[in-house]
């Protein structure tokens, strides 16, 4: 059975949303930074054998925004799941994490949200432990689009959650 699910990636400029998607869909990474303007949409099918289902993930890469409330609401219509990405090396991208997540949950009740600290290849495990109070309790995954660390697991876990 083929199922389609829309996933939207949110977060500040330069946190690695596009790189995470490229790593997942194309298994590539580029050091060249290209700003996403508006929205970029990619698609990848994920087979979930234990459920006997094939899920087509329609992944919306939204332009980065320092104020999540300024995100075009029309882009969020019909969303089945969110991935909120922050950069573990830039405090400005996670200083409002609690408020941003509350905004998403208030506007989109009962829609799963995965919180991702990206660029974990640039910090130590000790750094992540030291900053646990700041972002650790809210974070579902620490990823690296560069190395691919936890990227497949992030999207596959969300896909499974979306079909249950």
C-alpha atoms as a PDB file:
ATOM      1  CA  UNK A   1       0.000   0.000   0.000  1.00  0.00           C
ATOM      2  CA  UNK A   2       1.407   3.411  -1.029  1.00  0.00           C
ATOM      3  CA  UNK A   3       0.854   6.340   1.340  1.00  0.00           C
ATOM      4  CA  UNK A   4       1.977   9.976   0.907  1.00  0.00           C
ATOM      5  CA  UNK A   5       2.912  12.162   3.860  1.00  0.00           C
ATOM      6  CA  UNK A   6       3.990  15.808   3.875  1.00  0.00           C
ATOM      7  CA  UNK A   7       6.920  16.707   6.116  1.00  0.00           C
ATOM      8  CA  UNK A   8       7.974  20.326   6.656  1.00  0.00           C
ATOM      9  CA  UNK A   9      11.408  21.360   7.900  1.00  0.00           C
ATOM     10  CA  UNK A  10      11.508  24.565   9.951  1.00  0.00           C
ATOM     11  CA  UNK A  11      14.324  26.512  11.562  1.00  0.00           C
ATOM     12  CA  UNK A  12      16.631  29.509  11.252  1.00  0.00           C
ATOM     13  CA  UNK A  13      18.797  30.386   8.269  1.00  0.00           C
ATOM     14  CA  UNK A  14      21.877  28.213   7.845  1.00  0.00           C
ATOM     15  CA  UNK A  15      21.023  25.440  10.313  1.00  0.00           C
ATOM     16  CA  UNK A  16      21.316  22.752   7.631  1.00  0.00           C
ATOM     17  CA  UNK A  17      17.716  21.997   6.650  1.00  0.00           C
ATOM     18  CA  UNK A  18      18.533  21.721   2.942  1.00  0.00           C
ATOM     19  CA  UNK A  19      21.662  19.688   3.681  1.00  0.00           C
ATOM     20  CA  UNK A  20      19.698  17.226   5.831  1.00  0.00           C
ATOM     21  CA  UNK A  21      17.174  16.730   3.053  1.00  0.00           C
ATOM     22  CA  UNK A  22      19.873  16.306   0.396  1.00  0.00           C
ATOM     23  CA  UNK A  23      21.665  13.780   2.616  1.00  0.00           C
ATOM     24  CA  UNK A  24      18.444  11.807   3.083  1.00  0.00           C
ATOM     25  CA  UNK A  25      17.105  11.974  -0.486  1.00  0.00           C
ATOM     26  CA  UNK A  26      20.322  11.972  -2.550  1.00  0.00           C
ATOM     27  CA  UNK A  27      22.932  10.792  -0.008  1.00  0.00           C
ATOM     28  CA  UNK A  28      25.100  13.809  -0.849  1.00  0.00           C
ATOM     29  CA  UNK A  29      26.595  16.763   0.997  1.00  0.00           C
ATOM     30  CA  UNK A  30      28.017  20.026  -0.287  1.00  0.00           C
ATOM     31  CA  UNK A  31      30.055  22.617   1.603  1.00  0.00           C
ATOM     32  CA  UNK A  32      28.569  25.299  -0.685  1.00  0.00           C
ATOM     33  CA  UNK A  33      25.862  27.237   1.124  1.00  0.00           C
ATOM     34  CA  UNK A  34      22.855  28.124  -0.971  1.00  0.00           C
ATOM     35  CA  UNK A  35      20.000  30.036   0.594  1.00  0.00           C
ATOM     36  CA  UNK A  36      16.553  28.523   0.124  1.00  0.00           C
ATOM     37  CA  UNK A  37      14.137  31.159  -1.111  1.00  0.00           C
ATOM     38  CA  UNK A  38      10.501  30.306  -0.557  1.00  0.00           C
ATOM     39  CA  UNK A  39      10.167  26.540  -0.576  1.00  0.00           C
ATOM     40  CA  UNK A  40      11.956  23.616  -2.205  1.00  0.00           C
ATOM     41  CA  UNK A  41      10.135  20.279  -2.383  1.00  0.00           C
ATOM     42  CA  UNK A  42      11.779  16.862  -2.660  1.00  0.00           C
ATOM     43  CA  UNK A  43      10.351  13.367  -2.479  1.00  0.00           C
ATOM     44  CA  UNK A  44      11.607   9.999  -1.286  1.00  0.00           C
ATOM     45  CA  UNK A  45       9.867   6.688  -0.753  1.00  0.00           C
ATOM     46  CA  UNK A  46      10.543   4.782   2.427  1.00  0.00           C
ATOM     47  CA  UNK A  47       9.671   1.111   2.744  1.00  0.00           C
ATOM     48  CA  UNK A  48       8.420   0.035   6.157  1.00  0.00           C
ATOM     49  CA  UNK A  49       8.487  -3.773   5.998  1.00  0.00           C
ATOM     50  CA  UNK A  50       7.126  -4.378   9.503  1.00  0.00           C
ATOM     51  CA  UNK A  51       3.992  -2.450   8.528  1.00  0.00           C
ATOM     52  CA  UNK A  52       3.919  -3.747   4.950  1.00  0.00           C
ATOM     53  CA  UNK A  53       3.731  -0.203   3.657  1.00  0.00           C
ATOM     54  CA  UNK A  54       5.602   2.098   1.314  1.00  0.00           C
ATOM     55  CA  UNK A  55       5.506   5.747   2.397  1.00  0.00           C
ATOM     56  CA  UNK A  56       6.174   8.535  -0.058  1.00  0.00           C
ATOM     57  CA  UNK A  57       7.614  11.420   1.936  1.00  0.00           C
ATOM     58  CA  UNK A  58       6.943  14.797   0.350  1.00  0.00           C
ATOM     59  CA  UNK A  59       9.585  16.929   2.080  1.00  0.00           C
ATOM     60  CA  UNK A  60       9.154  20.709   2.142  1.00  0.00           C
ATOM     61  CA  UNK A  61      12.328  22.667   2.744  1.00  0.00           C
ATOM     62  CA  UNK A  62      11.196  26.128   3.866  1.00  0.00           C
ATOM     63  CA  UNK A  63      13.381  29.201   3.791  1.00  0.00           C
ATOM     64  CA  UNK A  64      15.024  29.873   7.128  1.00  0.00           C
ATOM     65  CA  UNK A  65      13.385  32.369   9.411  1.00  0.00           C
ATOM     66  CA  UNK A  66      14.578  33.771  12.734  1.00  0.00           C
ATOM     67  CA  UNK A  67      10.945  34.312  13.753  1.00  0.00           C
ATOM     68  CA  UNK A  68       8.860  31.187  13.276  1.00  0.00           C
ATOM     69  CA  UNK A  69       5.654  33.198  13.512  1.00  0.00           C
ATOM     70  CA  UNK A  70       6.655  34.884  10.234  1.00  0.00           C
ATOM     71  CA  UNK A  71       6.531  31.552   8.358  1.00  0.00           C
ATOM     72  CA  UNK A  72       3.968  31.562   5.575  1.00  0.00           C
ATOM     73  CA  UNK A  73       1.058  29.636   6.983  1.00  0.00           C
ATOM     74  CA  UNK A  74       0.028  28.475   3.500  1.00  0.00           C
ATOM     75  CA  UNK A  75       3.234  26.393   3.371  1.00  0.00           C
ATOM     76  CA  UNK A  76       2.149  24.570   6.514  1.00  0.00           C
ATOM     77  CA  UNK A  77      -1.307  23.527   5.326  1.00  0.00           C
ATOM     78  CA  UNK A  78      -1.743  19.778   5.094  1.00  0.00           C
ATOM     79  CA  UNK A  79       1.435  18.999   7.010  1.00  0.00           C
ATOM     80  CA  UNK A  80       1.592  15.518   8.525  1.00  0.00           C
ATOM     81  CA  UNK A  81       4.868  15.994  10.408  1.00  0.00           C
ATOM     82  CA  UNK A  82       7.401  18.676  11.288  1.00  0.00           C
ATOM     83  CA  UNK A  83      11.146  18.577  11.716  1.00  0.00           C
ATOM     84  CA  UNK A  84      12.448  21.598  13.623  1.00  0.00           C
ATOM     85  CA  UNK A  85      16.186  22.028  13.023  1.00  0.00           C
ATOM     86  CA  UNK A  86      18.664  24.089  15.020  1.00  0.00           C
ATOM     87  CA  UNK A  87      22.443  24.412  14.784  1.00  0.00           C
ATOM     88  CA  UNK A  88      24.158  23.111  17.935  1.00  0.00           C
ATOM     89  CA  UNK A  89      27.028  25.563  17.334  1.00  0.00           C
ATOM     90  CA  UNK A  90      24.850  28.711  17.156  1.00  0.00           C
ATOM     91  CA  UNK A  91      22.920  29.601  20.329  1.00  0.00           C
ATOM     92  CA  UNK A  92      20.786  32.119  18.423  1.00  0.00           C
ATOM     93  CA  UNK A  93      19.168  29.191  16.583  1.00  0.00           C
ATOM     94  CA  UNK A  94      17.972  27.472  19.750  1.00  0.00           C
ATOM     95  CA  UNK A  95      17.529  30.287  22.291  1.00  0.00           C
ATOM     96  CA  UNK A  96      13.767  30.401  21.536  1.00  0.00           C
ATOM     97  CA  UNK A  97      13.382  26.655  21.102  1.00  0.00           C
ATOM     98  CA  UNK A  98      10.648  26.243  23.725  1.00  0.00           C
ATOM     99  CA  UNK A  99       8.581  29.123  22.342  1.00  0.00           C
ATOM    100  CA  UNK A 100       9.003  27.986  18.729  1.00  0.00           C
ATOM    101  CA  UNK A 101       7.870  24.460  19.598  1.00  0.00           C
ATOM    102  CA  UNK A 102       4.914  25.801  21.534  1.00  0.00           C
ATOM    103  CA  UNK A 103       3.906  27.907  18.511  1.00  0.00           C
ATOM    104  CA  UNK A 104       3.988  24.805  16.277  1.00  0.00           C
ATOM    105  CA  UNK A 105       1.996  22.732  18.764  1.00  0.00           C
ATOM    106  CA  UNK A 106      -0.585  25.487  19.301  1.00  0.00           C
ATOM    107  CA  UNK A 107      -1.166  25.954  15.566  1.00  0.00           C
ATOM    108  CA  UNK A 108      -0.896  22.290  14.552  1.00  0.00           C
ATOM    109  CA  UNK A 109      -2.266  20.143  17.325  1.00  0.00           C
ATOM    110  CA  UNK A 110      -1.620  16.395  17.191  1.00  0.00           C
ATOM    111  CA  UNK A 111       1.006  16.706  14.440  1.00  0.00           C
ATOM    112  CA  UNK A 112       4.318  15.019  15.326  1.00  0.00           C
ATOM    113  CA  UNK A 113       7.352  17.273  15.696  1.00  0.00           C
ATOM    114  CA  UNK A 114      10.920  15.985  15.738  1.00  0.00           C
ATOM    115  CA  UNK A 115      13.503  18.392  17.148  1.00  0.00           C
ATOM    116  CA  UNK A 116      16.940  18.082  15.604  1.00  0.00           C
ATOM    117  CA  UNK A 117      20.254  19.529  16.733  1.00  0.00           C
ATOM    118  CA  UNK A 118      22.234  19.515  13.492  1.00  0.00           C
ATOM    119  CA  UNK A 119      25.995  19.812  12.911  1.00  0.00           C
ATOM    120  CA  UNK A 120      26.867  17.502  15.799  1.00  0.00           C
ATOM    121  CA  UNK A 121      30.109  16.667  13.976  1.00  0.00           C
ATOM    122  CA  UNK A 122      31.354  20.129  15.014  1.00  0.00           C
ATOM    123  CA  UNK A 123      30.965  19.623  18.785  1.00  0.00           C
ATOM    124  CA  UNK A 124      31.927  17.045  21.388  1.00  0.00           C
ATOM    125  CA  UNK A 125      29.605  14.760  23.323  1.00  0.00           C
ATOM    126  CA  UNK A 126      30.735  16.670  26.409  1.00  0.00           C
ATOM    127  CA  UNK A 127      29.430  19.912  24.853  1.00  0.00           C
ATOM    128  CA  UNK A 128      26.038  18.286  24.237  1.00  0.00           C
ATOM    129  CA  UNK A 129      25.914  17.083  27.858  1.00  0.00           C
ATOM    130  CA  UNK A 130      26.857  20.547  29.160  1.00  0.00           C
ATOM    131  CA  UNK A 131      24.075  22.143  27.121  1.00  0.00           C
ATOM    132  CA  UNK A 132      21.429  19.573  28.022  1.00  0.00           C
ATOM    133  CA  UNK A 133      19.390  22.133  29.979  1.00  0.00           C
ATOM    134  CA  UNK A 134      19.416  24.534  27.020  1.00  0.00           C
ATOM    135  CA  UNK A 135      18.262  22.149  24.299  1.00  0.00           C
ATOM    136  CA  UNK A 136      18.869  18.540  25.288  1.00  0.00           C
ATOM    137  CA  UNK A 137      15.549  17.761  26.946  1.00  0.00           C
ATOM    138  CA  UNK A 138      13.593  18.923  23.890  1.00  0.00           C
ATOM    139  CA  UNK A 139      15.868  17.366  21.261  1.00  0.00           C
ATOM    140  CA  UNK A 140      14.954  14.050  19.629  1.00  0.00           C
ATOM    141  CA  UNK A 141      18.075  13.692  17.462  1.00  0.00           C
ATOM    142  CA  UNK A 142      21.549  15.074  17.050  1.00  0.00           C
ATOM    143  CA  UNK A 143      22.450  14.830  13.383  1.00  0.00           C
ATOM    144  CA  UNK A 144      25.177  15.682  10.940  1.00  0.00           C
ATOM    145  CA  UNK A 145      24.199  16.239   7.333  1.00  0.00           C
ATOM    146  CA  UNK A 146      27.918  16.190   6.543  1.00  0.00           C
ATOM    147  CA  UNK A 147      28.611  12.705   7.940  1.00  0.00           C
ATOM    148  CA  UNK A 148      25.058  11.371   7.639  1.00  0.00           C
ATOM    149  CA  UNK A 149      24.917  10.612  11.374  1.00  0.00           C
ATOM    150  CA  UNK A 150      21.283   9.871  12.439  1.00  0.00           C
ATOM    151  CA  UNK A 151      19.761  11.363   9.263  1.00  0.00           C
ATOM    152  CA  UNK A 152      18.178   8.141   7.922  1.00  0.00           C
ATOM    153  CA  UNK A 153      16.987   7.227  11.404  1.00  0.00           C
ATOM    154  CA  UNK A 154      15.326  10.633  11.842  1.00  0.00           C
ATOM    155  CA  UNK A 155      13.269  10.440   8.650  1.00  0.00           C
ATOM    156  CA  UNK A 156      12.502   6.720   8.944  1.00  0.00           C
ATOM    157  CA  UNK A 157      11.316   7.065  12.541  1.00  0.00           C
ATOM    158  CA  UNK A 158       9.058   9.964  11.594  1.00  0.00           C
ATOM    159  CA  UNK A 159       7.677   7.981   8.622  1.00  0.00           C
ATOM    160  CA  UNK A 160       6.783   5.072  10.929  1.00  0.00           C
ATOM    161  CA  UNK A 161       5.158   7.446  13.411  1.00  0.00           C
ATOM    162  CA  UNK A 162       3.097   9.053  10.628  1.00  0.00           C
ATOM    163  CA  UNK A 163       1.514   5.789   9.489  1.00  0.00           C
ATOM    164  CA  UNK A 164       0.525   4.574  12.942  1.00  0.00           C
END
